Amino acid sequence: MKEHLEEVGNGAKRNVEEAGRADLSPYAFLAGGLHDVAKYTSFFQAHLRSGKRVDCSDHAKLSSLLGFHASEHFRKDPSNLPFSPPAKGDLYSALVAPVIYSHHGRLRGLRWYHDVLDKIKEELDNPSSCINRQYNDLQGKWNTIKSEVPWAPDLPPLGEMVSNVERVVRGLMLRDFGWVEYLDGLLLFSSLIDADKHSAAQADVMNSPLRPIPCRGITSP
């Protein structure tokens, strides 16, 4: 897990830099470097050992909350981050959350993620809900996780983390954004997906520069 998170984080960072967007590299690294962090739960590990579906083995929801928290944390305290801290603001910290949450499917937007947060908030009052059980499980392992994943910040209370994400996302929904922000979100997502697939496949092309594919059989008018 440690190797996979580091590889995907560095791969996503490299992808945005090769696309000429080094300003997005901290967000790409944190999205890639934390996209699977909730796989450390006992529930997901039981799923791996059995090869069968296990209750509460989903990892994307809690990982997305931790990705946002890390982005905001390192904007204020860049220690343990191996490069310049994020500086672009709340929007890009917020984009990390749906990028992580969507990484096994298609990318959804902040309004959709706000609906996800509403469902998480409903779970918080139920001690036996999956989000509470997963968080409690991770909490007991967090010092070990931080020793393997040094870019993982201190773990805040779950309710506080959810409230912070929800507050920022709700505020962003009141603002108008254009194509630049939309395309930035797509770039973060595609950079994570590309790095994740190459890491999972253990492909040598992980370290190859991105190159356009020549089109054949097309002539100019």
Protein backbone atom coordinates (compact mmCIF):
# COMPACT_ATOMS: atom_id res chain seq x y z
CA MET A 1 0.00 0.00 0.00
CA LYS A 2 2.83 2.39 0.91
CA GLU A 3 4.53 1.81 -2.45
CA HIS A 4 1.29 2.12 -4.40
CA LEU A 5 0.27 5.42 -2.79
CA GLU A 6 3.72 6.91 -3.27
CA GLU A 7 3.88 5.74 -6.88
CA VAL A 8 0.43 7.07 -7.77
CA GLY A 9 1.08 10.36 -5.99
CA ASN A 10 4.33 10.92 -7.85
CA GLY A 11 2.81 9.72 -11.12
CA ALA A 12 -0.16 12.10 -10.89
CA LYS A 13 2.21 14.94 -9.95
CA ARG A 14 4.42 14.15 -12.93
CA ASN A 15 1.43 14.03 -15.27
CA VAL A 16 0.24 17.55 -14.46
CA GLU A 17 3.80 18.89 -14.65
CA GLU A 18 4.28 17.36 -18.10
CA ALA A 19 1.00 18.99 -19.10
CA GLY A 20 2.53 22.36 -18.17
CA ARG A 21 0.58 22.77 -14.93
CA ALA A 22 3.16 22.54 -12.17
CA ASP A 23 0.88 24.79 -10.08
CA LEU A 24 -1.47 21.81 -9.70
CA SER A 25 1.26 19.36 -8.68
CA PRO A 26 0.63 19.50 -4.89
CA TYR A 27 -3.06 18.71 -5.41
CA ALA A 28 -2.29 15.97 -7.91
CA PHE A 29 0.23 14.42 -5.51
CA LEU A 30 -2.17 14.48 -2.55
CA ALA A 31 -5.05 13.10 -4.62
CA GLY A 32 -2.85 10.25 -5.86
CA GLY A 33 -1.00 9.78 -2.60
CA LEU A 34 -4.18 9.42 -0.53
CA HIS A 35 -6.71 8.01 -3.00
CA ASP A 36 -6.57 4.54 -1.42
CA VAL A 37 -5.58 5.44 2.14
CA ALA A 38 -8.83 4.02 3.58
CA LYS A 39 -7.79 0.62 2.24
CA TYR A 40 -5.80 0.37 5.48
CA THR A 41 -9.06 -0.48 7.29
CA SER A 42 -9.52 -4.02 8.57
CA PHE A 43 -12.69 -4.22 6.47
CA PHE A 44 -10.88 -3.72 3.18
CA GLN A 45 -8.03 -5.98 4.23
CA ALA A 46 -10.57 -8.73 4.98
CA HIS A 47 -12.00 -8.18 1.50
CA LEU A 48 -8.51 -8.64 0.01
CA ARG A 49 -7.87 -11.84 1.95
CA SER A 50 -11.24 -13.40 1.18
CA GLY A 51 -11.71 -12.11 -2.35
CA LYS A 52 -15.36 -11.55 -1.45
CA ARG A 53 -17.46 -8.49 -0.70
CA VAL A 54 -17.11 -7.45 2.95
CA ASP A 55 -19.32 -4.94 4.74
CA CYS A 56 -17.75 -1.48 5.02
CA SER A 57 -14.91 -2.37 2.64
CA ASP A 58 -15.60 0.68 0.45
CA HIS A 59 -12.63 3.04 0.69
CA ALA A 60 -13.35 5.98 -1.61
CA LYS A 61 -15.66 7.92 0.73
CA LEU A 62 -13.29 8.20 3.70
CA SER A 63 -10.25 8.60 1.44
CA SER A 64 -11.93 11.60 -0.23
CA LEU A 65 -12.48 13.31 3.14
CA LEU A 66 -8.85 12.72 4.08
CA GLY A 67 -7.66 14.06 0.72
CA PHE A 68 -9.48 17.34 1.29
CA HIS A 69 -8.23 17.58 4.85
CA ALA A 70 -4.64 17.01 3.74
CA SER A 71 -4.87 19.68 1.03
CA GLU A 72 -6.17 22.24 3.51
CA HIS A 73 -3.71 21.17 6.20
CA PHE A 74 -0.66 21.57 3.99
CA ARG A 75 -1.76 24.99 2.80
CA LYS A 76 -1.24 26.09 6.42
CA ASP A 77 1.58 23.79 7.50
CA PRO A 78 3.80 22.51 4.66
CA SER A 79 6.00 20.33 6.89
CA ASN A 80 6.39 16.72 5.66
CA LEU A 81 5.29 17.72 2.16
CA PRO A 82 8.19 17.00 -0.23
CA PHE A 83 7.63 20.12 -2.36
CA SER A 84 6.01 23.56 -2.29
CA PRO A 85 2.69 23.57 -0.40
CA PRO A 86 -0.68 24.04 -2.13
CA ALA A 87 -1.48 27.71 -2.59
CA LYS A 88 -4.40 28.03 -5.00
CA GLY A 89 -7.21 28.10 -2.45
CA ASP A 90 -10.26 26.24 -1.22
CA LEU A 91 -11.56 25.33 -4.67
CA TYR A 92 -8.60 23.09 -5.44
CA SER A 93 -8.64 21.47 -2.01
CA ALA A 94 -12.33 20.76 -2.59
CA LEU A 95 -11.69 19.33 -6.05
CA VAL A 96 -9.38 16.72 -4.54
CA ALA A 97 -12.38 15.19 -2.72
CA PRO A 98 -14.62 14.32 -5.72
CA VAL A 99 -11.54 13.38 -7.75
CA ILE A 100 -10.68 10.72 -5.14
CA TYR A 101 -14.28 9.68 -4.59
CA SER A 102 -14.81 9.21 -8.35
CA HIS A 103 -11.61 7.33 -9.12
CA HIS A 104 -13.37 4.00 -9.75
CA GLY A 105 -15.93 5.57 -12.07
CA ARG A 106 -16.59 8.79 -13.91
CA LEU A 107 -15.82 12.20 -12.47
CA ARG A 108 -18.70 14.00 -10.80
CA GLY A 109 -18.86 17.64 -9.72
CA LEU A 110 -19.01 19.53 -6.45
CA ARG A 111 -22.82 19.67 -6.36
CA TRP A 112 -22.96 15.90 -6.60
CA TYR A 113 -20.29 15.58 -3.91
CA HIS A 114 -22.34 17.88 -1.69
CA ASP A 115 -25.13 15.29 -1.89
CA VAL A 116 -22.59 12.62 -0.87
CA LEU A 117 -21.68 14.75 2.15
CA ASP A 118 -25.35 15.03 3.13
CA LYS A 119 -25.55 11.23 3.25
CA ILE A 120 -22.34 11.03 5.28
CA LYS A 121 -23.75 13.52 7.79
CA GLU A 122 -26.80 11.29 8.24
CA GLU A 123 -24.47 8.37 9.06
CA LEU A 124 -22.55 10.26 11.73
CA ASP A 125 -25.28 9.86 14.36
CA ASN A 126 -25.26 6.08 13.96
CA PRO A 127 -22.26 4.53 15.80
CA SER A 128 -22.62 1.31 13.79
CA SER A 129 -22.59 3.07 10.40
CA CYS A 130 -19.77 2.16 8.05
CA ILE A 131 -18.22 5.62 8.04
CA ASN A 132 -17.94 5.58 11.85
CA ARG A 133 -16.62 2.02 11.96
CA GLN A 134 -14.07 2.76 9.24
CA TYR A 135 -12.91 5.95 10.92
CA ASN A 136 -12.54 4.26 14.32
CA ASP A 137 -10.58 1.45 12.71
CA LEU A 138 -8.22 3.88 10.94
CA GLN A 139 -7.83 5.95 14.09
CA GLY A 140 -6.29 3.01 15.89
CA LYS A 141 -3.76 2.56 13.09
CA TRP A 142 -3.05 6.17 12.21
CA ASN A 143 0.40 6.42 13.75
CA THR A 144 1.48 3.37 11.75
CA ILE A 145 -0.12 4.79 8.61
CA LYS A 146 1.68 8.11 9.08
CA SER A 147 5.01 6.29 9.41
CA GLU A 148 4.37 4.74 5.98
CA VAL A 149 2.59 7.72 4.42
CA PRO A 150 4.32 10.83 5.83
CA TRP A 151 2.15 13.18 3.77
CA ALA A 152 -0.89 12.00 5.75
CA PRO A 153 -1.62 14.76 8.31
CA ASP A 154 -2.85 14.30 11.87
CA LEU A 155 -6.31 12.74 11.96
CA PRO A 156 -9.03 15.19 13.08
CA PRO A 157 -12.36 14.13 14.61
CA LEU A 158 -14.63 12.69 11.93
CA GLY A 159 -17.48 15.14 12.51
CA GLU A 160 -15.07 18.08 12.31
CA MET A 161 -13.59 16.81 9.06
CA VAL A 162 -17.00 16.34 7.46
CA SER A 163 -18.19 19.78 8.62
CA ASN A 164 -15.10 21.48 7.20
CA VAL A 165 -15.49 19.85 3.80
CA GLU A 166 -19.23 20.56 3.71
CA ARG A 167 -18.73 24.23 4.66
CA VAL A 168 -16.18 24.81 1.91
CA VAL A 169 -18.14 22.92 -0.77
CA ARG A 170 -21.37 24.73 0.14
CA GLY A 171 -19.59 28.09 -0.16
CA LEU A 172 -18.09 27.18 -3.53
CA MET A 173 -21.53 26.26 -4.88
CA LEU A 174 -22.52 29.93 -4.50
CA ARG A 175 -19.70 31.10 -6.74
CA ASP A 176 -19.38 31.10 -10.52
CA PHE A 177 -16.50 29.27 -12.17
CA GLY A 178 -15.49 28.96 -15.81
CA TRP A 179 -13.76 26.60 -18.21
CA VAL A 180 -10.36 26.99 -16.54
CA GLU A 181 -11.55 25.52 -13.26
CA TYR A 182 -13.59 22.85 -15.04
CA LEU A 183 -10.61 21.72 -17.10
CA ASP A 184 -8.34 21.84 -14.06
CA GLY A 185 -10.67 19.38 -12.34
CA LEU A 186 -10.57 17.10 -15.37
CA LEU A 187 -6.77 17.29 -15.47
CA LEU A 188 -6.45 16.34 -11.79
CA PHE A 189 -8.83 13.43 -12.30
CA SER A 190 -7.23 12.10 -15.48
CA SER A 191 -3.76 12.44 -13.97
CA LEU A 192 -4.81 10.36 -10.98
CA ILE A 193 -6.55 7.72 -13.11
CA ASP A 194 -3.58 7.39 -15.46
CA ALA A 195 -1.10 7.03 -12.59
CA ASP A 196 -3.35 4.59 -10.72
CA LYS A 197 -3.88 2.30 -13.72
CA HIS A 198 -0.19 2.24 -14.60
CA SER A 199 0.79 1.55 -11.00
CA ALA A 200 -1.74 -1.25 -10.65
CA ALA A 201 -0.50 -2.79 -13.91
CA GLN A 202 3.12 -2.33 -12.84
CA ALA A 203 3.79 -1.03 -16.33
CA ASP A 204 7.15 0.37 -17.39
CA VAL A 205 5.36 3.18 -19.21
CA MET A 206 4.73 4.70 -15.78
CA ASN A 207 8.07 6.45 -16.18
CA SER A 208 7.67 7.31 -19.86
CA PRO A 209 6.91 10.89 -20.90
CA LEU A 210 3.48 11.62 -22.33
CA ARG A 211 3.56 11.80 -26.11
CA PRO A 212 0.79 12.56 -28.62
CA ILE A 213 -0.23 9.59 -30.80
CA PRO A 214 0.25 10.43 -34.52
CA CYS A 215 -2.94 10.23 -36.57
CA ARG A 216 -2.60 8.10 -39.70
CA GLY A 217 -4.66 8.31 -42.85
CA ILE A 218 -5.75 11.91 -42.24
CA THR A 219 -4.71 14.50 -44.79
CA SER A 220 -5.10 18.24 -44.72
CA PRO A 221 -7.84 19.70 -46.93
